[in-house]
Amino acid sequence: MNRISAVVSVFNEEESLEKCLNSLKFADEIVVVDNGSSDKSLEIAKKFTNKIYTQQNNPGLIDIQKNFGFEKATGEWILSIDADEEVTKELSREIKKVLGKSVPKNLNGYWIPRKNIIFGKWIENAGWYPDFQLRLFRKGSGKFTKKHVHEPISLKGESGKLKEHIVHYNYGSVSQFVLQTLSYAGNEAEDLLERNYKFSYFDAIKFPTQEFLSRFFSRKGYKDGFHGLMASILMAFYHFLVFAFIWEKKGFSQYNNSDFLKETEKEFRKAGRDILYWLSKEKIESIKSPLRKTAVRITEKLRSL
């Protein structure tokens, strides 16, 4: 039987930590790395494990700091979990079943689907599901390699997929979303600049528009109702902030030629046409009758002329 070490990185997570750690009792050991919490996180962690380590918190190195916890783990396999996540009972049984038998030597990790709970609702569309995460891996085969957020663990060897879920209590309030967005957006702006992003003033319009179209229409966010609309708008706002941080890092460069209003109008009109296109497309696709679908397609085409 392969031993499993569950590794959790913590910073002021008293509201969610007990639920997280309670879901990890199936593991052979729980390793908690506290990043300088000032709330009751340490007190809660001591109820579940004596393998608690501390390090200085660095918001700019959120993921790469988790490698410290991986090094402290003693199990053959590591399960990396965030403090605002929970392992379902079904997933814990699946992990024990998979690792309870001989795992092929070249198979060093598993991707796990994740359910994101945003403002109290499981968001099944808009790119939030199945949201596979590489979280289970052989010790020594996986680690974070870069400082930017939202990058998966770098794995040596092959990987497989599990069927059961991690539950991620992602955003419980608008304030939480905004605060995390400020950190993530600045980090992503640096990443784009390092990858030689070519600055364009009108990306201030394109970035959020394209993100909204992708989330709400292309990835069917509208199927989650008003939650899907708000999640899509907020992600569009996030991408607007990414551009704003890029502009800041460019020294708030100025642009104000004589055709500025006309150029801005052009971008907004294009955004409007894109929204109308997607509204029409999704409306047509939702119609089941082939004849009615054809009739609506013709009507929409005539209307656009």
C-alpha atoms as a PDB file:
ATOM      1  CA  MET A   1       0.000   0.000   0.000  1.00  0.00           C
ATOM      2  CA  ASN A   2       1.403   3.361  -1.028  1.00  0.00           C
ATOM      3  CA  ARG A   3       1.454   5.889   1.823  1.00  0.00           C
ATOM      4  CA  ILE A   4      -0.311   9.166   1.124  1.00  0.00           C
ATOM      5  CA  SER A   5       0.779  12.558   2.455  1.00  0.00           C
ATOM      6  CA  ALA A   6      -1.814  15.321   2.232  1.00  0.00           C
ATOM      7  CA  VAL A   7      -0.073  18.709   2.076  1.00  0.00           C
ATOM      8  CA  VAL A   8      -1.957  21.933   2.861  1.00  0.00           C
ATOM      9  CA  SER A   9      -0.575  25.472   2.624  1.00  0.00           C
ATOM     10  CA  VAL A  10      -2.301  27.891   5.009  1.00  0.00           C
ATOM     11  CA  PHE A  11      -2.533  31.638   5.522  1.00  0.00           C
ATOM     12  CA  ASN A  12      -5.365  32.953   7.730  1.00  0.00           C
ATOM     13  CA  GLU A  13      -7.833  30.227   6.769  1.00  0.00           C
ATOM     14  CA  GLU A  14      -9.715  29.727  10.046  1.00  0.00           C
ATOM     15  CA  GLU A  15     -13.125  29.793   8.330  1.00  0.00           C
ATOM     16  CA  SER A  16     -12.433  26.916   5.945  1.00  0.00           C
ATOM     17  CA  LEU A  17      -9.473  24.987   7.364  1.00  0.00           C
ATOM     18  CA  GLU A  18     -11.337  22.593   9.677  1.00  0.00           C
ATOM     19  CA  LYS A  19     -13.590  21.375   6.856  1.00  0.00           C
ATOM     20  CA  CYS A  20     -10.532  20.911   4.624  1.00  0.00           C
ATOM     21  CA  LEU A  21      -8.469  18.967   7.173  1.00  0.00           C
ATOM     22  CA  ASN A  22     -11.415  16.861   8.248  1.00  0.00           C
ATOM     23  CA  SER A  23     -11.748  15.658   4.635  1.00  0.00           C
ATOM     24  CA  LEU A  24      -8.094  14.539   4.669  1.00  0.00           C
ATOM     25  CA  LYS A  25      -8.324  12.071   7.563  1.00  0.00           C
ATOM     26  CA  PHE A  26      -8.056   9.186   5.105  1.00  0.00           C
ATOM     27  CA  ALA A  27      -4.432  10.145   4.343  1.00  0.00           C
ATOM     28  CA  ASP A  28      -1.550   8.497   6.184  1.00  0.00           C
ATOM     29  CA  GLU A  29      -0.235  11.899   7.232  1.00  0.00           C
ATOM     30  CA  ILE A  30      -1.321  15.520   7.012  1.00  0.00           C
ATOM     31  CA  VAL A  31       1.388  18.135   6.538  1.00  0.00           C
ATOM     32  CA  VAL A  32       0.412  21.755   7.183  1.00  0.00           C
ATOM     33  CA  VAL A  33       2.618  24.664   6.150  1.00  0.00           C
ATOM     34  CA  ASP A  34       1.567  27.860   7.872  1.00  0.00           C
ATOM     35  CA  ASN A  35       2.619  31.038   6.092  1.00  0.00           C
ATOM     36  CA  GLY A  36       2.479  33.344   9.113  1.00  0.00           C
ATOM     37  CA  SER A  37      -1.231  33.197   9.971  1.00  0.00           C
ATOM     38  CA  SER A  38      -2.474  35.670  12.569  1.00  0.00           C
ATOM     39  CA  ASP A  39      -5.888  34.033  13.105  1.00  0.00           C
ATOM     40  CA  LYS A  40      -6.798  30.618  14.608  1.00  0.00           C
ATOM     41  CA  SER A  41      -5.424  28.566  11.698  1.00  0.00           C
ATOM     42  CA  LEU A  42      -2.567  27.052  13.728  1.00  0.00           C
ATOM     43  CA  GLU A  43      -4.901  26.200  16.603  1.00  0.00           C
ATOM     44  CA  ILE A  44      -7.220  24.375  14.194  1.00  0.00           C
ATOM     45  CA  ALA A  45      -4.367  22.574  12.419  1.00  0.00           C
ATOM     46  CA  LYS A  46      -3.095  21.136  15.734  1.00  0.00           C
ATOM     47  CA  LYS A  47      -6.374  19.225  16.111  1.00  0.00           C
ATOM     48  CA  PHE A  48      -5.494  17.156  13.053  1.00  0.00           C
ATOM     49  CA  THR A  49      -1.713  16.842  12.885  1.00  0.00           C
ATOM     50  CA  ASN A  50       1.562  17.519  14.684  1.00  0.00           C
ATOM     51  CA  LYS A  51       3.391  17.930  11.383  1.00  0.00           C
ATOM     52  CA  ILE A  52       3.070  21.685  11.162  1.00  0.00           C
ATOM     53  CA  TYR A  53       5.788  23.864   9.650  1.00  0.00           C
ATOM     54  CA  THR A  54       6.094  27.600   9.263  1.00  0.00           C
ATOM     55  CA  GLN A  55       7.545  29.884   6.650  1.00  0.00           C
ATOM     56  CA  GLN A  56       7.204  33.556   5.780  1.00  0.00           C
ATOM     57  CA  ASN A  57       4.208  34.407   3.618  1.00  0.00           C
ATOM     58  CA  ASN A  58       4.970  35.750   0.134  1.00  0.00           C
ATOM     59  CA  PRO A  59       1.791  36.540  -1.883  1.00  0.00           C
ATOM     60  CA  GLY A  60       3.844  36.837  -5.067  1.00  0.00           C
ATOM     61  CA  LEU A  61       5.071  33.233  -4.715  1.00  0.00           C
ATOM     62  CA  ILE A  62       1.803  31.591  -3.693  1.00  0.00           C
ATOM     63  CA  ASP A  63       2.313  28.330  -5.569  1.00  0.00           C
ATOM     64  CA  ILE A  64       6.056  27.862  -5.529  1.00  0.00           C
ATOM     65  CA  GLN A  65       6.070  28.129  -1.722  1.00  0.00           C
ATOM     66  CA  LYS A  66       4.058  24.908  -1.595  1.00  0.00           C
ATOM     67  CA  ASN A  67       7.196  23.003  -2.622  1.00  0.00           C
ATOM     68  CA  PHE A  68       8.402  23.452   0.966  1.00  0.00           C
ATOM     69  CA  GLY A  69       5.513  21.301   2.174  1.00  0.00           C
ATOM     70  CA  PHE A  70       6.155  18.684  -0.494  1.00  0.00           C
ATOM     71  CA  GLU A  71       9.714  18.303   0.808  1.00  0.00           C
ATOM     72  CA  LYS A  72       8.463  17.722   4.357  1.00  0.00           C
ATOM     73  CA  ALA A  73       6.062  14.955   3.318  1.00  0.00           C
ATOM     74  CA  THR A  74       7.174  11.370   3.976  1.00  0.00           C
ATOM     75  CA  GLY A  75       4.606   9.434   1.942  1.00  0.00           C
ATOM     76  CA  GLU A  76       5.284   7.830  -1.428  1.00  0.00           C
ATOM     77  CA  TRP A  77       2.446   9.906  -2.878  1.00  0.00           C
ATOM     78  CA  ILE A  78       1.542  13.538  -2.222  1.00  0.00           C
ATOM     79  CA  LEU A  79      -1.941  15.045  -2.388  1.00  0.00           C
ATOM     80  CA  SER A  80      -1.717  18.835  -2.656  1.00  0.00           C
ATOM     81  CA  ILE A  81      -4.827  20.597  -1.358  1.00  0.00           C
ATOM     82  CA  ASP A  82      -5.614  24.256  -0.686  1.00  0.00           C
ATOM     83  CA  ALA A  83      -7.215  25.298   2.585  1.00  0.00           C
ATOM     84  CA  ASP A  84     -10.420  26.391   0.842  1.00  0.00           C
ATOM     85  CA  GLU A  85     -10.824  22.975  -0.779  1.00  0.00           C
ATOM     86  CA  GLU A  86     -12.372  19.725   0.380  1.00  0.00           C
ATOM     87  CA  VAL A  87     -11.810  16.136  -0.730  1.00  0.00           C
ATOM     88  CA  THR A  88     -15.117  14.341  -1.196  1.00  0.00           C
ATOM     89  CA  LYS A  89     -15.584  10.929   0.397  1.00  0.00           C
ATOM     90  CA  GLU A  90     -15.952   9.496  -3.101  1.00  0.00           C
ATOM     91  CA  LEU A  91     -12.573  10.938  -4.118  1.00  0.00           C
ATOM     92  CA  SER A  92     -10.845   9.666  -0.968  1.00  0.00           C
ATOM     93  CA  ARG A  93     -12.125   6.158  -1.727  1.00  0.00           C
ATOM     94  CA  GLU A  94     -10.999   6.427  -5.358  1.00  0.00           C
ATOM     95  CA  ILE A  95      -7.504   7.581  -4.344  1.00  0.00           C
ATOM     96  CA  LYS A  96      -7.111   4.730  -1.859  1.00  0.00           C
ATOM     97  CA  LYS A  97      -8.332   2.249  -4.464  1.00  0.00           C
ATOM     98  CA  VAL A  98      -5.972   3.541  -7.187  1.00  0.00           C
ATOM     99  CA  LEU A  99      -2.940   3.677  -4.901  1.00  0.00           C
ATOM    100  CA  GLY A 100      -3.881   0.482  -3.090  1.00  0.00           C
ATOM    101  CA  LYS A 101      -2.639  -1.533  -6.026  1.00  0.00           C
ATOM    102  CA  SER A 102       0.518  -1.440  -8.105  1.00  0.00           C
ATOM    103  CA  VAL A 103       0.777   1.789 -10.092  1.00  0.00           C
ATOM    104  CA  PRO A 104       2.731   1.603 -13.396  1.00  0.00           C
ATOM    105  CA  LYS A 105       6.250   2.944 -12.864  1.00  0.00           C
ATOM    106  CA  ASN A 106       5.935   5.592 -15.579  1.00  0.00           C
ATOM    107  CA  LEU A 107       2.618   6.895 -14.180  1.00  0.00           C
ATOM    108  CA  ASN A 108       3.628   9.594 -11.702  1.00  0.00           C
ATOM    109  CA  GLY A 109       0.534  11.727 -11.223  1.00  0.00           C
ATOM    110  CA  TYR A 110      -3.215  12.139 -11.518  1.00  0.00           C
ATOM    111  CA  TRP A 111      -5.426  15.021 -12.616  1.00  0.00           C
ATOM    112  CA  ILE A 112      -8.500  15.501 -10.445  1.00  0.00           C
ATOM    113  CA  PRO A 113     -11.702  17.311 -11.528  1.00  0.00           C
ATOM    114  CA  ARG A 114     -12.728  20.213  -9.316  1.00  0.00           C
ATOM    115  CA  LYS A 115     -16.129  21.704  -8.526  1.00  0.00           C
ATOM    116  CA  ASN A 116     -15.899  25.471  -7.995  1.00  0.00           C
ATOM    117  CA  ILE A 117     -18.470  26.913  -5.605  1.00  0.00           C
ATOM    118  CA  ILE A 118     -18.814  30.622  -6.412  1.00  0.00           C
ATOM    119  CA  PHE A 119     -21.164  32.806  -4.360  1.00  0.00           C
ATOM    120  CA  GLY A 120     -22.841  29.686  -2.973  1.00  0.00           C
ATOM    121  CA  LYS A 121     -23.445  27.892  -6.291  1.00  0.00           C
ATOM    122  CA  TRP A 122     -21.568  25.181  -8.164  1.00  0.00           C
ATOM    123  CA  ILE A 123     -20.643  26.819 -11.473  1.00  0.00           C
ATOM    124  CA  GLU A 124     -20.843  24.044 -14.067  1.00  0.00           C
ATOM    125  CA  ASN A 125     -20.014  26.152 -17.117  1.00  0.00           C
ATOM    126  CA  ALA A 126     -18.110  29.327 -18.086  1.00  0.00           C
ATOM    127  CA  GLY A 127     -14.834  27.399 -18.045  1.00  0.00           C
ATOM    128  CA  TRP A 128     -15.106  26.541 -14.354  1.00  0.00           C
ATOM    129  CA  TYR A 129     -15.771  22.839 -14.812  1.00  0.00           C
ATOM    130  CA  PRO A 130     -14.378  20.183 -14.924  1.00  0.00           C
ATOM    131  CA  ASP A 131     -11.321  22.340 -14.074  1.00  0.00           C
ATOM    132  CA  PHE A 132      -8.873  19.416 -13.852  1.00  0.00           C
ATOM    133  CA  GLN A 133      -6.034  19.951 -11.376  1.00  0.00           C
ATOM    134  CA  LEU A 134      -2.800  17.951 -11.133  1.00  0.00           C
ATOM    135  CA  ARG A 135      -2.811  17.356  -7.373  1.00  0.00           C
ATOM    136  CA  LEU A 136      -1.837  13.734  -6.746  1.00  0.00           C
ATOM    137  CA  PHE A 137       1.732  12.734  -7.607  1.00  0.00           C
ATOM    138  CA  ARG A 138       4.687  10.622  -6.541  1.00  0.00           C
ATOM    139  CA  LYS A 139       6.999  12.338  -4.106  1.00  0.00           C
ATOM    140  CA  GLY A 140       9.949  13.753  -6.009  1.00  0.00           C
ATOM    141  CA  SER A 141       8.115  13.740  -9.343  1.00  0.00           C
ATOM    142  CA  GLY A 142       6.130  16.963  -9.036  1.00  0.00           C
ATOM    143  CA  LYS A 143       6.664  20.548  -7.976  1.00  0.00           C
ATOM    144  CA  PHE A 144       5.814  24.131  -8.867  1.00  0.00           C
ATOM    145  CA  THR A 145       8.502  25.695 -11.029  1.00  0.00           C
ATOM    146  CA  LYS A 146       7.418  29.308 -11.668  1.00  0.00           C
ATOM    147  CA  LYS A 147       6.283  32.211  -9.546  1.00  0.00           C
ATOM    148  CA  HIS A 148       3.114  33.036 -11.474  1.00  0.00           C
ATOM    149  CA  VAL A 149      -0.287  31.974 -10.158  1.00  0.00           C
ATOM    150  CA  HIS A 150      -2.593  29.391 -11.719  1.00  0.00           C
ATOM    151  CA  GLU A 151       0.211  27.301 -13.169  1.00  0.00           C
ATOM    152  CA  PRO A 152      -0.097  23.519 -12.704  1.00  0.00           C
ATOM    153  CA  ILE A 153       2.448  21.351 -10.965  1.00  0.00           C
ATOM    154  CA  SER A 154       5.306  20.367 -13.255  1.00  0.00           C
ATOM    155  CA  LEU A 155       5.362  16.572 -13.433  1.00  0.00           C
ATOM    156  CA  LYS A 156       8.095  14.164 -14.500  1.00  0.00           C
ATOM    157  CA  GLY A 157       6.531  11.200 -16.266  1.00  0.00           C
ATOM    158  CA  GLU A 158       3.041  10.259 -17.398  1.00  0.00           C
ATOM    159  CA  SER A 159      -0.249  11.188 -15.758  1.00  0.00           C
ATOM    160  CA  GLY A 160      -3.776   9.826 -15.571  1.00  0.00           C
ATOM    161  CA  LYS A 161      -7.190  11.184 -14.580  1.00  0.00           C
ATOM    162  CA  LEU A 162      -9.472  10.433 -11.657  1.00  0.00           C
ATOM    163  CA  LYS A 163     -13.275  10.649 -11.820  1.00  0.00           C
ATOM    164  CA  GLU A 164     -14.265  11.963  -8.392  1.00  0.00           C
ATOM    165  CA  HIS A 165     -13.955  15.560  -7.215  1.00  0.00           C
ATOM    166  CA  ILE A 166     -12.237  18.150  -5.148  1.00  0.00           C
ATOM    167  CA  VAL A 167     -14.730  20.796  -4.010  1.00  0.00           C
ATOM    168  CA  HIS A 168     -13.335  24.320  -4.141  1.00  0.00           C
ATOM    169  CA  TYR A 169     -15.157  26.984  -2.104  1.00  0.00           C
ATOM    170  CA  ASN A 170     -13.753  29.582  -4.429  1.00  0.00           C
ATOM    171  CA  TYR A 171     -15.365  32.956  -3.776  1.00  0.00           C
ATOM    172  CA  GLY A 172     -17.759  33.509  -0.895  1.00  0.00           C
ATOM    173  CA  SER A 173     -18.104  37.251  -1.352  1.00  0.00           C
ATOM    174  CA  VAL A 174     -17.526  39.977  -3.915  1.00  0.00           C
ATOM    175  CA  SER A 175     -14.918  41.512  -1.593  1.00  0.00           C
ATOM    176  CA  GLN A 176     -12.957  38.259  -1.598  1.00  0.00           C
ATOM    177  CA  PHE A 177     -13.018  38.160  -5.390  1.00  0.00           C
ATOM    178  CA  VAL A 178     -11.807  41.755  -5.689  1.00  0.00           C
ATOM    179  CA  LEU A 179      -8.992  41.312  -3.156  1.00  0.00           C
ATOM    180  CA  GLN A 180      -7.676  38.143  -4.802  1.00  0.00           C
ATOM    181  CA  THR A 181      -8.072  39.720  -8.220  1.00  0.00           C
ATOM    182  CA  LEU A 182      -5.742  42.567  -7.287  1.00  0.00           C
ATOM    183  CA  SER A 183      -2.988  40.069  -6.507  1.00  0.00           C
ATOM    184  CA  TYR A 184      -3.579  37.743  -9.459  1.00  0.00           C
ATOM    185  CA  ALA A 185      -4.030  40.489 -12.075  1.00  0.00           C
ATOM    186  CA  GLY A 186      -0.740  42.185 -11.274  1.00  0.00           C
ATOM    187  CA  ASN A 187       1.022  38.841 -11.427  1.00  0.00           C
ATOM    188  CA  GLU A 188      -0.522  37.963 -14.779  1.00  0.00           C
ATOM    189  CA  ALA A 189       0.426  41.386 -16.166  1.00  0.00           C
ATOM    190  CA  GLU A 190       4.079  40.666 -15.326  1.00  0.00           C
ATOM    191  CA  ASP A 191       3.806  37.270 -16.967  1.00  0.00           C
ATOM    192  CA  LEU A 192       2.420  38.756 -20.216  1.00  0.00           C
ATOM    193  CA  LEU A 193       5.183  41.350 -20.349  1.00  0.00           C
ATOM    194  CA  GLU A 194       7.819  38.665 -19.786  1.00  0.00           C
ATOM    195  CA  ARG A 195       6.315  36.800 -22.730  1.00  0.00           C
ATOM    196  CA  ASN A 196       6.788  39.884 -24.923  1.00  0.00           C
ATOM    197  CA  TYR A 197       3.174  41.030 -25.028  1.00  0.00           C
ATOM    198  CA  LYS A 198       2.833  43.837 -27.596  1.00  0.00           C
ATOM    199  CA  PHE A 199       1.103  46.738 -25.904  1.00  0.00           C
ATOM    200  CA  SER A 200      -2.059  48.155 -27.506  1.00  0.00           C
ATOM    201  CA  TYR A 201      -4.186  50.858 -25.886  1.00  0.00           C
ATOM    202  CA  PHE A 202      -7.391  49.368 -27.203  1.00  0.00           C
ATOM    203  CA  ASP A 203      -6.764  46.093 -25.423  1.00  0.00           C
ATOM    204  CA  ALA A 204      -8.417  47.954 -22.554  1.00  0.00           C
ATOM    205  CA  ILE A 205     -11.621  47.178 -24.460  1.00  0.00           C
ATOM    206  CA  LYS A 206     -10.577  43.915 -26.135  1.00  0.00           C
ATOM    207  CA  PHE A 207      -9.289  42.101 -23.031  1.00  0.00           C
ATOM    208  CA  PRO A 208     -12.533  42.262 -20.998  1.00  0.00           C
ATOM    209  CA  THR A 209     -14.794  41.862 -24.043  1.00  0.00           C
ATOM    210  CA  GLN A 210     -13.068  38.723 -25.274  1.00  0.00           C
ATOM    211  CA  GLU A 211     -13.058  37.228 -21.780  1.00  0.00           C
ATOM    212  CA  PHE A 212     -16.778  37.888 -21.349  1.00  0.00           C
ATOM    213  CA  LEU A 213     -17.621  36.396 -24.756  1.00  0.00           C
ATOM    214  CA  SER A 214     -15.490  33.354 -23.958  1.00  0.00           C
ATOM    215  CA  ARG A 215     -17.026  32.780 -20.523  1.00  0.00           C
ATOM    216  CA  PHE A 216     -20.679  33.649 -21.066  1.00  0.00           C
ATOM    217  CA  PHE A 217     -21.217  32.432 -24.637  1.00  0.00           C
ATOM    218  CA  SER A 218     -18.465  30.140 -25.902  1.00  0.00           C
ATOM    219  CA  ARG A 219     -18.194  28.238 -22.611  1.00  0.00           C
ATOM    220  CA  LYS A 220     -21.942  28.432 -21.932  1.00  0.00           C
ATOM    221  CA  GLY A 221     -21.876  30.561 -18.781  1.00  0.00           C
ATOM    222  CA  TYR A 222     -25.483  31.554 -19.435  1.00  0.00           C
ATOM    223  CA  LYS A 223     -26.525  28.001 -18.492  1.00  0.00           C
ATOM    224  CA  ASP A 224     -25.659  28.881 -14.879  1.00  0.00           C
ATOM    225  CA  GLY A 225     -28.209  31.703 -14.968  1.00  0.00           C
ATOM    226  CA  PHE A 226     -27.489  34.955 -13.156  1.00  0.00           C
ATOM    227  CA  HIS A 227     -24.536  33.383 -11.329  1.00  0.00           C
ATOM    228  CA  GLY A 228     -23.052  32.609 -14.742  1.00  0.00           C
ATOM    229  CA  LEU A 229     -23.599  36.178 -15.917  1.00  0.00           C
ATOM    230  CA  MET A 230     -22.011  37.700 -12.815  1.00  0.00           C
ATOM    231  CA  ALA A 231     -19.078  35.257 -12.878  1.00  0.00           C
ATOM    232  CA  SER A 232     -18.466  36.127 -16.547  1.00  0.00           C
ATOM    233  CA  ILE A 233     -18.650  39.890 -15.924  1.00  0.00           C
ATOM    234  CA  LEU A 234     -16.325  39.639 -12.930  1.00  0.00           C
ATOM    235  CA  MET A 235     -13.798  37.647 -14.946  1.00  0.00           C
ATOM    236  CA  ALA A 236     -14.040  40.314 -17.661  1.00  0.00           C
ATOM    237  CA  PHE A 237     -13.285  42.886 -14.946  1.00  0.00           C
ATOM    238  CA  TYR A 238     -10.281  40.782 -13.902  1.00  0.00           C
ATOM    239  CA  HIS A 239      -8.889  40.933 -17.448  1.00  0.00           C
ATOM    240  CA  PHE A 240      -9.515  44.668 -17.574  1.00  0.00           C
ATOM    241  CA  LEU A 241      -7.368  44.958 -14.434  1.00  0.00           C
ATOM    242  CA  VAL A 242      -4.650  42.828 -16.062  1.00  0.00           C
ATOM    243  CA  PHE A 243      -4.468  45.422 -18.834  1.00  0.00           C
ATOM    244  CA  ALA A 244      -4.567  48.297 -16.309  1.00  0.00           C
ATOM    245  CA  PHE A 245      -1.561  46.819 -14.489  1.00  0.00           C
ATOM    246  CA  ILE A 246       0.278  46.435 -17.796  1.00  0.00           C
ATOM    247  CA  TRP A 247      -0.422  50.116 -18.504  1.00  0.00           C
ATOM    248  CA  GLU A 248       0.884  51.003 -15.045  1.00  0.00           C
ATOM    249  CA  LYS A 249       4.065  49.005 -15.649  1.00  0.00           C
ATOM    250  CA  LYS A 250       4.446  50.917 -18.934  1.00  0.00           C
ATOM    251  CA  GLY A 251       4.539  54.143 -16.928  1.00  0.00           C
ATOM    252  CA  PHE A 252       0.937  55.192 -17.711  1.00  0.00           C
ATOM    253  CA  SER A 253       1.991  56.044 -21.264  1.00  0.00           C
ATOM    254  CA  GLN A 254      -0.177  58.662 -22.973  1.00  0.00           C
ATOM    255  CA  TYR A 255      -2.218  58.358 -26.151  1.00  0.00           C
ATOM    256  CA  ASN A 256      -4.621  61.074 -27.301  1.00  0.00           C
ATOM    257  CA  ASN A 257      -4.535  61.734 -31.029  1.00  0.00           C
ATOM    258  CA  SER A 258      -7.193  63.606 -33.003  1.00  0.00           C
ATOM    259  CA  ASP A 259      -9.007  60.394 -34.007  1.00  0.00           C
ATOM    260  CA  PHE A 260      -9.139  58.917 -30.513  1.00  0.00           C
ATOM    261  CA  LEU A 261     -12.945  59.086 -30.228  1.00  0.00           C
ATOM    262  CA  LYS A 262     -13.403  57.529 -33.671  1.00  0.00           C
ATOM    263  CA  GLU A 263     -10.938  54.737 -32.850  1.00  0.00           C
ATOM    264  CA  THR A 264     -12.686  54.054 -29.548  1.00  0.00           C
ATOM    265  CA  GLU A 265     -16.072  53.992 -31.277  1.00  0.00           C
ATOM    266  CA  LYS A 266     -14.717  51.424 -33.737  1.00  0.00           C
ATOM    267  CA  GLU A 267     -13.651  49.086 -30.930  1.00  0.00           C
ATOM    268  CA  PHE A 268     -16.962  49.401 -29.075  1.00  0.00           C
ATOM    269  CA  ARG A 269     -18.939  48.775 -32.261  1.00  0.00           C
ATOM    270  CA  LYS A 270     -16.889  45.646 -32.930  1.00  0.00           C
ATOM    271  CA  ALA A 271     -17.530  44.474 -29.364  1.00  0.00           C
ATOM    272  CA  GLY A 272     -21.243  45.086 -29.882  1.00  0.00           C
ATOM    273  CA  ARG A 273     -21.280  43.099 -33.124  1.00  0.00           C
ATOM    274  CA  ASP A 274     -19.485  40.213 -31.425  1.00  0.00           C
ATOM    275  CA  ILE A 275     -22.049  40.144 -28.606  1.00  0.00           C
ATOM    276  CA  LEU A 276     -24.968  40.188 -31.087  1.00  0.00           C
ATOM    277  CA  TYR A 277     -23.320  37.416 -33.107  1.00  0.00           C
ATOM    278  CA  TRP A 278     -22.999  35.172 -30.056  1.00  0.00           C
ATOM    279  CA  LEU A 279     -26.550  35.946 -28.882  1.00  0.00           C
ATOM    280  CA  SER A 280     -27.870  34.900 -32.282  1.00  0.00           C
ATOM    281  CA  LYS A 281     -25.642  31.819 -32.474  1.00  0.00           C
ATOM    282  CA  GLU A 282     -26.595  30.476 -29.056  1.00  0.00           C
ATOM    283  CA  LYS A 283     -30.291  31.218 -29.610  1.00  0.00           C
ATOM    284  CA  ILE A 284     -30.256  29.229 -32.858  1.00  0.00           C
ATOM    285  CA  GLU A 285     -28.335  26.324 -31.323  1.00  0.00           C
ATOM    286  CA  SER A 286     -30.886  26.036 -28.510  1.00  0.00           C
ATOM    287  CA  ILE A 287     -33.731  25.361 -30.979  1.00  0.00           C
ATOM    288  CA  LYS A 288     -34.448  21.659 -31.404  1.00  0.00           C
ATOM    289  CA  SER A 289     -36.690  21.762 -34.470  1.00  0.00           C
ATOM    290  CA  PRO A 290     -34.567  21.751 -37.684  1.00  0.00           C
ATOM    291  CA  LEU A 291     -37.212  23.716 -39.618  1.00  0.00           C
ATOM    292  CA  ARG A 292     -37.592  26.358 -36.942  1.00  0.00           C
ATOM    293  CA  LYS A 293     -33.820  26.549 -36.585  1.00  0.00           C
ATOM    294  CA  THR A 294     -33.473  27.250 -40.315  1.00  0.00           C
ATOM    295  CA  ALA A 295     -36.225  29.900 -40.199  1.00  0.00           C
ATOM    296  CA  VAL A 296     -34.640  31.699 -37.247  1.00  0.00           C
ATOM    297  CA  ARG A 297     -31.220  31.548 -38.910  1.00  0.00           C
ATOM    298  CA  ILE A 298     -32.625  33.250 -42.031  1.00  0.00           C
ATOM    299  CA  THR A 299     -34.424  35.877 -39.915  1.00  0.00           C
ATOM    300  CA  GLU A 300     -31.279  36.646 -37.941  1.00  0.00           C
ATOM    301  CA  LYS A 301     -29.249  36.954 -41.131  1.00  0.00           C
ATOM    302  CA  LEU A 302     -31.766  39.370 -42.698  1.00  0.00           C
ATOM    303  CA  ARG A 303     -31.823  41.416 -39.498  1.00  0.00           C
ATOM    304  CA  SER A 304     -28.037  41.835 -39.620  1.00  0.00           C
ATOM    305  CA  LEU A 305     -28.055  43.229 -43.170  1.00  0.00           C
END
